[in-house]
Amino acid sequence: MIINVLLICTALSFCFYLSGIVSALFHVQSRKRLPRAELPPLSLLKPVKGLEENLEDCLRSFFEQSYPGDLEIVFASAQRNDPAMQVARTLAAEYPHVRTRFVRTNENWGLNPKVSNLQGALMSASHELVLQTDANVLATPTYARDIVSQFLDEDANLLSSLVTGIGEHSIGAAIENLQLTSYIAPACCAALKIGGVACVIGKSMLFKKSELRELGGLELVKDSLCEDYLLGQHFVESGKKVVLSAIPIRNLNVEMPVERSLKRHARWLKMRAVIHPGSFMGDLAANPIAFAASAFIAADYDASLGYGVLFLAALKTLIDGLMVGVIRGMPMRGKHMLCVPLKDMLMLAVWVYAIFSRSVEWRGIRFRMGPGSQLLPDEGNLPVRMLRRLLSPEI
């Protein structure tokens, strides 16, 4: 009986997975648009902390933007001697024609270190239109021009981009880039095309300072971990238009260890579990290899089912390879595509772990997530918290 249930789940899961792939193929078609010749002044906000992988290449890509309008870059860090700021200062000296600012932020402004950094950058921005991007993303030379053109064409109030991973050399980086490109991006497209929900991804957010200020500013999310999703919700609830651009922002992952990739997705899964349980269940539902492998194990490693699992793994690897090429515009090497089944089984383990854990490490600080991804002091693991509550029921 259990085997039949798992096989049915495998078939439904594969259909659910395909819905994301088809949604992504349709959404990517919207990339083709004519950029404007003139654009409003733009402030690029770059909150940084520490030496991210290939940080110099990522930051340089923003100094080399072909933007037909006034452009400034605002770097922000809470650390006095942050090595990332030294990298940024060195680059600024190479590009004297790009107006650049360096801001020391208040790390105690909010519990979310990234939001505290972003607040300092936002307060120092000269222009009404701002684009916040993470330090570890690599932009094409026309990225700012293209998304600002789309922002204006669609009369948007908040615009974020699909995220794709590039640059993989290690197995961990391949797993990370596969998950970003062949799962996270299609899942966001499915949420938009099927559910009518435009996901906001904090890797890149474009908005107007005055509109954010009208909503309540970054104070709304300064103590939450999932600040990007929550900001999007505030915009939607106020009747403003949120757009998910098909123009990708590229997260550069070259030598990422497997452990770091799993920790990142564990954090994201925990956020989805407390923010939107339906999307958390969707992570499991879109993993047909996990269901097929479970059926194979339940059938006591039946050979016929084993061949079926191998066929499904090969088919999904082929489709994921197609998706990677379409979304990021460049294929992935075959040896890295072979990581697809491994990645899916690891994500199953991470998903199970995320059911039970609410502790996260973010920017070097440990927190525990409460409802709505509210950040709380980390009081230790579950047994320790339970013991404390038994001994101190009033807490």
Protein backbone atom coordinates (compact mmCIF):
# COMPACT_ATOMS: atom_id res chain seq x y z
CA MET A 1 0.00 0.00 0.00
CA ILE A 2 2.71 2.46 1.00
CA ILE A 3 4.57 1.75 -2.23
CA ASN A 4 1.52 2.59 -4.33
CA VAL A 5 1.01 5.81 -2.40
CA LEU A 6 4.63 6.82 -2.95
CA LEU A 7 4.39 6.03 -6.67
CA ILE A 8 1.26 8.17 -6.98
CA CYS A 9 3.06 10.94 -5.10
CA THR A 10 5.98 10.58 -7.52
CA ALA A 11 3.69 11.06 -10.53
CA LEU A 12 1.92 14.06 -8.96
CA SER A 13 5.23 15.54 -7.89
CA PHE A 14 6.64 15.29 -11.41
CA CYS A 15 3.56 17.07 -12.78
CA PHE A 16 3.93 19.77 -10.12
CA TYR A 17 7.61 20.12 -10.98
CA LEU A 18 6.75 20.46 -14.69
CA SER A 19 4.26 23.25 -13.89
CA GLY A 20 7.16 25.32 -12.61
CA ILE A 21 9.27 24.57 -15.67
CA VAL A 22 6.47 25.54 -18.07
CA SER A 23 5.73 28.69 -16.05
CA ALA A 24 9.39 29.69 -16.23
CA LEU A 25 9.53 29.15 -20.01
CA PHE A 26 6.54 31.43 -20.49
CA HIS A 27 7.84 34.06 -18.09
CA VAL A 28 11.30 34.23 -19.66
CA GLN A 29 9.68 35.21 -22.96
CA SER A 30 8.84 38.58 -21.40
CA ARG A 31 12.53 39.54 -21.36
CA LYS A 32 12.38 40.94 -24.87
CA ARG A 33 11.69 44.66 -24.56
CA LEU A 34 13.11 47.90 -25.93
CA PRO A 35 15.10 49.76 -23.24
CA ARG A 36 14.57 53.50 -22.92
CA ALA A 37 17.16 55.94 -24.19
CA GLU A 38 16.81 58.22 -21.16
CA LEU A 39 16.26 57.13 -17.58
CA PRO A 40 15.88 58.87 -14.21
CA PRO A 41 18.75 59.22 -11.73
CA LEU A 42 19.46 56.00 -9.85
CA SER A 43 21.16 55.15 -6.57
CA LEU A 44 22.70 51.67 -6.35
CA LEU A 45 22.70 50.49 -2.74
CA LYS A 46 25.32 47.90 -1.78
CA PRO A 47 25.17 46.71 1.84
CA VAL A 48 28.32 44.65 2.42
CA LYS A 49 29.93 42.59 5.15
CA GLY A 50 33.18 40.70 4.77
CA LEU A 51 34.84 39.20 1.73
CA GLU A 52 32.22 37.38 -0.28
CA GLU A 53 33.38 34.93 -2.94
CA ASN A 54 34.76 36.82 -5.97
CA LEU A 55 33.63 40.07 -4.35
CA GLU A 56 35.79 42.28 -6.58
CA ASP A 57 34.25 40.89 -9.78
CA CYS A 58 30.73 41.30 -8.40
CA LEU A 59 31.24 44.90 -7.27
CA ARG A 60 33.09 45.83 -10.48
CA SER A 61 30.06 44.77 -12.53
CA PHE A 62 28.09 47.65 -10.97
CA PHE A 63 30.79 50.21 -11.69
CA GLU A 64 30.58 49.14 -15.35
CA GLN A 65 26.84 49.67 -15.82
CA SER A 66 25.88 51.29 -19.14
CA TYR A 67 23.12 53.38 -17.59
CA PRO A 68 21.77 56.35 -19.62
CA GLY A 69 21.23 58.60 -16.62
CA ASP A 70 22.83 59.89 -13.43
CA LEU A 71 24.14 56.99 -11.36
CA GLU A 72 25.67 56.72 -7.90
CA ILE A 73 26.78 53.74 -5.80
CA VAL A 74 26.37 53.75 -2.02
CA PHE A 75 28.37 51.15 -0.08
CA ALA A 76 27.35 50.53 3.52
CA SER A 77 28.88 48.49 6.32
CA ALA A 78 28.58 48.43 10.10
CA GLN A 79 32.23 47.44 10.56
CA ARG A 80 34.91 50.11 10.80
CA ASN A 81 37.58 47.99 9.08
CA ASP A 82 35.36 45.86 6.87
CA PRO A 83 37.62 44.37 4.14
CA ALA A 84 34.68 44.57 1.71
CA MET A 85 34.75 48.36 2.00
CA GLN A 86 38.45 48.37 1.17
CA VAL A 87 37.71 46.39 -2.00
CA ALA A 88 34.98 48.91 -2.86
CA ARG A 89 37.29 51.89 -2.25
CA THR A 90 39.97 50.39 -4.49
CA LEU A 91 37.43 49.92 -7.27
CA ALA A 92 36.04 53.42 -6.81
CA ALA A 93 39.55 54.78 -7.45
CA GLU A 94 39.59 52.88 -10.77
CA TYR A 95 36.25 54.41 -11.81
CA PRO A 96 36.46 58.09 -10.78
CA HIS A 97 33.61 58.99 -13.14
CA VAL A 98 31.15 56.95 -11.03
CA ARG A 99 29.96 58.88 -8.00
CA THR A 100 30.56 56.64 -4.98
CA ARG A 101 29.68 56.99 -1.29
CA PHE A 102 30.83 55.00 1.73
CA VAL A 103 28.60 54.83 4.76
CA ARG A 104 29.19 53.52 8.29
CA THR A 105 25.89 52.10 9.54
CA ASN A 106 24.43 51.42 12.97
CA GLU A 107 24.54 47.66 13.49
CA ASN A 108 22.11 47.97 16.41
CA TRP A 109 19.38 49.73 14.42
CA GLY A 110 17.55 46.44 13.87
CA LEU A 111 18.01 42.77 14.64
CA ASN A 112 18.47 41.93 10.95
CA PRO A 113 22.06 43.01 10.14
CA LYS A 114 21.38 43.29 6.41
CA VAL A 115 18.39 45.59 6.94
CA SER A 116 20.43 47.75 9.33
CA ASN A 117 23.07 48.09 6.63
CA LEU A 118 20.46 48.81 3.99
CA GLN A 119 18.88 51.52 6.15
CA GLY A 120 22.18 53.37 6.35
CA ALA A 121 22.66 53.15 2.59
CA LEU A 122 19.09 54.24 1.93
CA MET A 123 19.39 57.31 4.16
CA SER A 124 22.52 58.39 2.26
CA ALA A 125 21.13 57.85 -1.25
CA SER A 126 20.80 61.04 -3.30
CA HIS A 127 18.14 59.86 -5.70
CA GLU A 128 14.48 58.94 -5.38
CA LEU A 129 14.84 55.72 -7.38
CA VAL A 130 17.02 53.11 -5.66
CA LEU A 131 18.23 49.65 -6.59
CA GLN A 132 19.42 47.44 -3.73
CA THR A 133 21.51 44.41 -4.69
CA ASP A 134 23.49 41.94 -2.59
CA ALA A 135 27.27 42.00 -2.58
CA ASN A 136 27.59 38.52 -4.11
CA VAL A 137 25.66 39.18 -7.33
CA LEU A 138 27.18 39.80 -10.73
CA ALA A 139 25.25 42.11 -13.07
CA THR A 140 25.41 42.29 -16.84
CA PRO A 141 26.45 45.76 -18.14
CA THR A 142 22.84 46.56 -19.10
CA TYR A 143 21.15 45.17 -15.99
CA ALA A 144 20.27 48.50 -14.33
CA ARG A 145 19.16 50.01 -17.64
CA ASP A 146 16.96 47.03 -18.49
CA ILE A 147 15.15 46.69 -15.17
CA VAL A 148 14.59 50.43 -14.71
CA SER A 149 13.09 50.50 -18.22
CA GLN A 150 10.76 47.65 -17.25
CA PHE A 151 9.94 49.36 -13.93
CA LEU A 152 8.78 52.44 -15.81
CA ASP A 153 7.05 50.58 -18.66
CA GLU A 154 4.96 48.53 -16.22
CA ASP A 155 4.33 51.43 -13.83
CA ALA A 156 5.68 49.26 -11.02
CA ASN A 157 6.18 50.25 -7.40
CA LEU A 158 8.54 47.42 -6.47
CA LEU A 159 10.50 45.21 -8.86
CA SER A 160 12.73 42.25 -8.11
CA SER A 161 14.44 39.79 -10.44
CA LEU A 162 14.68 36.07 -10.95
CA VAL A 163 17.88 34.79 -9.35
CA THR A 164 20.21 32.45 -11.17
CA GLY A 165 23.50 30.91 -10.06
CA ILE A 166 26.64 30.96 -12.21
CA GLY A 167 30.35 30.16 -12.05
CA GLU A 168 30.32 26.68 -10.49
CA HIS A 169 33.60 24.79 -10.09
CA SER A 170 32.99 22.80 -6.90
CA ILE A 171 30.21 20.30 -6.20
CA GLY A 172 28.77 22.63 -3.58
CA ALA A 173 28.63 25.52 -6.05
CA ALA A 174 27.00 23.26 -8.66
CA ILE A 175 24.35 22.18 -6.13
CA GLU A 176 23.74 25.82 -5.16
CA ASN A 177 23.46 27.06 -8.75
CA LEU A 178 21.21 24.17 -9.73
CA GLN A 179 18.85 24.83 -6.83
CA LEU A 180 18.70 28.56 -7.57
CA THR A 181 18.24 28.18 -11.32
CA SER A 182 16.26 24.99 -11.85
CA TYR A 183 14.10 25.08 -8.73
CA ILE A 184 13.86 28.50 -7.01
CA ALA A 185 13.44 30.46 -10.26
CA PRO A 186 10.76 28.13 -11.74
CA ALA A 187 8.97 28.06 -8.35
CA CYS A 188 8.78 31.86 -8.37
CA CYS A 189 7.45 31.78 -11.94
CA ALA A 190 4.81 29.21 -10.99
CA ALA A 191 3.73 31.35 -8.03
CA LEU A 192 3.29 34.26 -10.45
CA LYS A 193 1.66 32.47 -13.38
CA ILE A 194 -0.53 30.07 -11.40
CA GLY A 195 -1.01 31.76 -8.04
CA GLY A 196 -0.83 35.41 -9.15
CA VAL A 197 1.87 36.10 -6.54
CA ALA A 198 4.91 38.16 -7.55
CA CYS A 199 7.71 36.92 -5.31
CA VAL A 200 10.11 39.55 -4.02
CA ILE A 201 13.69 38.31 -3.80
CA GLY A 202 16.14 40.41 -1.82
CA LYS A 203 19.06 39.74 -4.13
CA SER A 204 17.75 42.69 -6.16
CA MET A 205 14.98 45.17 -5.29
CA LEU A 206 14.10 48.35 -7.20
CA PHE A 207 11.76 50.92 -5.63
CA LYS A 208 11.23 54.60 -4.84
CA LYS A 209 12.33 55.97 -1.48
CA SER A 210 9.18 58.04 -1.02
CA GLU A 211 6.87 55.07 -1.59
CA LEU A 212 8.72 52.93 0.91
CA ARG A 213 8.64 55.80 3.39
CA GLU A 214 4.84 56.14 2.96
CA LEU A 215 4.43 52.47 3.93
CA GLY A 216 6.49 52.88 7.09
CA GLY A 217 10.05 52.43 5.82
CA LEU A 218 12.46 49.65 6.61
CA GLU A 219 11.31 49.87 10.24
CA LEU A 220 8.57 47.48 9.13
CA VAL A 221 11.07 44.65 8.64
CA LYS A 222 14.13 45.56 10.70
CA ASP A 223 13.55 42.71 13.16
CA SER A 224 12.49 40.07 10.61
CA LEU A 225 14.66 37.66 8.66
CA CYS A 226 12.46 37.42 5.56
CA GLU A 227 12.51 41.15 4.90
CA ASP A 228 12.16 40.90 1.12
CA TYR A 229 8.95 38.84 1.15
CA LEU A 230 7.45 40.98 3.91
CA LEU A 231 8.25 44.21 2.06
CA GLY A 232 6.51 42.80 -0.98
CA GLN A 233 3.47 41.96 1.15
CA HIS A 234 3.33 45.51 2.51
CA PHE A 235 3.43 46.91 -1.02
CA VAL A 236 0.69 44.55 -2.21
CA GLU A 237 -1.54 45.20 0.81
CA SER A 238 -1.32 48.94 0.17
CA GLY A 239 -2.51 48.44 -3.42
CA LYS A 240 0.86 48.96 -5.07
CA LYS A 241 2.18 46.97 -8.02
CA VAL A 242 4.89 44.39 -7.45
CA VAL A 243 6.70 42.96 -10.50
CA LEU A 244 8.95 39.92 -10.86
CA SER A 245 11.32 40.65 -13.73
CA ALA A 246 12.44 37.84 -16.00
CA ILE A 247 15.77 39.66 -16.37
CA PRO A 248 17.97 37.61 -14.02
CA ILE A 249 20.39 38.79 -11.39
CA ARG A 250 23.32 36.37 -11.24
CA ASN A 251 24.50 35.00 -7.91
CA LEU A 252 28.18 34.10 -8.34
CA ASN A 253 29.06 30.78 -6.67
CA VAL A 254 32.38 29.26 -7.68
CA GLU A 255 33.93 27.22 -4.87
CA MET A 256 31.07 27.12 -2.36
CA PRO A 257 31.32 24.14 0.02
CA VAL A 258 28.35 21.76 0.11
CA GLU A 259 27.78 22.54 3.79
CA ARG A 260 27.38 26.26 3.11
CA SER A 261 24.84 25.65 0.36
CA LEU A 262 22.80 23.35 2.61
CA LYS A 263 22.89 25.90 5.44
CA ARG A 264 21.62 28.63 3.12
CA HIS A 265 18.70 26.57 1.89
CA ALA A 266 17.94 25.34 5.39
CA ARG A 267 17.59 28.99 6.40
CA TRP A 268 15.35 29.73 3.44
CA LEU A 269 13.21 26.65 4.11
CA LYS A 270 12.77 27.65 7.75
CA MET A 271 11.65 31.09 6.60
CA ARG A 272 9.10 29.60 4.22
CA ALA A 273 7.84 27.30 6.97
CA VAL A 274 6.99 30.25 9.24
CA ILE A 275 5.98 32.73 6.52
CA HIS A 276 4.04 30.58 4.05
CA PRO A 277 3.55 26.91 5.00
CA GLY A 278 2.00 26.21 1.58
CA SER A 279 5.21 27.13 -0.22
CA PHE A 280 7.16 25.06 2.31
CA MET A 281 5.05 22.02 1.39
CA GLY A 282 5.59 22.92 -2.26
CA ASP A 283 9.32 22.34 -1.81
CA LEU A 284 8.60 18.71 -1.01
CA ALA A 285 5.87 18.39 -3.63
CA ALA A 286 8.23 19.49 -6.42
CA ASN A 287 10.86 16.82 -5.64
CA PRO A 288 9.83 13.71 -7.63
CA ILE A 289 13.23 12.04 -7.25
CA ALA A 290 12.79 12.05 -3.47
CA PHE A 291 9.41 10.30 -3.73
CA ALA A 292 10.70 7.80 -6.30
CA ALA A 293 13.74 6.95 -4.18
CA SER A 294 11.48 6.50 -1.15
CA ALA A 295 9.29 4.08 -3.12
CA PHE A 296 12.39 2.15 -4.20
CA ILE A 297 13.52 1.80 -0.59
CA ALA A 298 10.01 0.86 0.60
CA ALA A 299 9.89 -1.86 -2.09
CA ASP A 300 13.01 -3.41 -0.59
CA TYR A 301 15.14 -2.19 -3.51
CA ASP A 302 13.07 -3.86 -6.21
CA ALA A 303 15.10 -3.90 -9.45
CA SER A 304 12.24 -2.76 -11.70
CA LEU A 305 11.60 0.25 -9.48
CA GLY A 306 15.33 0.91 -9.45
CA TYR A 307 15.35 1.24 -13.23
CA GLY A 308 12.37 3.57 -12.96
CA VAL A 309 14.22 5.78 -10.49
CA LEU A 310 17.24 5.92 -12.79
CA PHE A 311 15.03 6.86 -15.76
CA LEU A 312 13.30 9.60 -13.75
CA ALA A 313 16.63 10.93 -12.50
CA ALA A 314 17.99 11.05 -16.07
CA LEU A 315 14.84 12.76 -17.38
CA LYS A 316 14.80 15.37 -14.63
CA THR A 317 18.53 16.02 -15.10
CA LEU A 318 17.89 16.64 -18.79
CA ILE A 319 15.00 19.03 -18.10
CA ASP A 320 16.93 20.85 -15.39
CA GLY A 321 19.80 21.26 -17.81
CA LEU A 322 17.42 22.85 -20.32
CA MET A 323 16.08 25.16 -17.62
CA VAL A 324 19.56 26.25 -16.57
CA GLY A 325 20.44 27.17 -20.15
CA VAL A 326 17.21 29.11 -20.67
CA ILE A 327 17.21 31.11 -17.43
CA ARG A 328 20.86 32.03 -17.11
CA GLY A 329 21.65 32.05 -20.82
CA MET A 330 24.56 29.62 -20.55
CA PRO A 331 24.64 25.84 -20.16
CA MET A 332 26.09 23.93 -17.24
CA ARG A 333 28.81 21.34 -17.77
CA GLY A 334 27.65 17.74 -17.88
CA LYS A 335 29.71 16.73 -14.85
CA HIS A 336 27.92 19.37 -12.79
CA MET A 337 24.50 18.41 -14.15
CA LEU A 338 25.11 14.93 -12.72
CA CYS A 339 24.66 16.55 -9.30
CA VAL A 340 20.89 16.90 -9.88
CA PRO A 341 19.85 13.62 -8.13
CA LEU A 342 22.31 14.25 -5.29
CA LYS A 343 21.00 17.80 -4.89
CA ASP A 344 17.38 16.64 -4.75
CA MET A 345 18.09 14.00 -2.10
CA LEU A 346 20.09 16.48 -0.01
CA MET A 347 17.24 18.98 -0.24
CA LEU A 348 14.88 16.30 1.06
CA ALA A 349 17.10 15.91 4.13
CA VAL A 350 17.27 19.68 4.59
CA TRP A 351 13.47 19.93 4.25
CA VAL A 352 12.95 17.36 7.03
CA TYR A 353 15.46 19.19 9.23
CA ALA A 354 13.63 22.50 8.64
CA ILE A 355 10.45 21.04 10.12
CA PHE A 356 12.03 20.85 13.55
CA SER A 357 14.56 23.68 13.69
CA ARG A 358 13.96 27.43 13.98
CA SER A 359 17.53 28.45 14.81
CA VAL A 360 19.42 30.31 12.09
CA GLU A 361 22.80 31.95 11.68
CA TRP A 362 22.67 35.18 9.69
CA ARG A 363 25.66 37.45 9.07
CA GLY A 364 27.57 35.69 11.84
CA ILE A 365 24.80 36.07 14.45
CA ARG A 366 22.61 33.24 15.76
CA PHE A 367 18.87 33.83 16.07
CA ARG A 368 15.70 31.88 16.50
CA MET A 369 12.77 32.61 14.20
CA GLY A 370 9.33 33.29 15.55
CA PRO A 371 6.05 33.81 13.68
CA GLY A 372 6.44 35.83 10.49
CA SER A 373 10.23 35.23 10.61
CA GLN A 374 10.55 37.59 13.59
CA LEU A 375 14.08 37.37 14.97
CA LEU A 376 14.43 36.32 18.60
CA PRO A 377 17.43 35.56 20.83
CA ASP A 378 18.67 32.01 20.29
CA GLU A 379 18.06 30.24 23.58
CA GLY A 380 19.60 26.95 22.52
CA ASN A 381 18.22 23.82 20.91
CA LEU A 382 14.71 22.43 21.39
CA PRO A 383 15.43 20.18 24.43
CA VAL A 384 17.12 23.08 26.21
CA ARG A 385 14.18 25.42 25.52
CA MET A 386 11.68 22.82 26.69
CA LEU A 387 13.62 22.26 29.92
CA ARG A 388 13.78 25.99 30.57
CA ARG A 389 10.04 26.32 30.08
CA LEU A 390 9.37 23.42 32.46
CA LEU A 391 11.55 25.01 35.11
CA SER A 392 10.23 28.51 34.47
CA PRO A 393 6.62 28.17 33.23
CA GLU A 394 6.00 31.91 33.43
CA ILE A 395 8.55 32.59 30.67
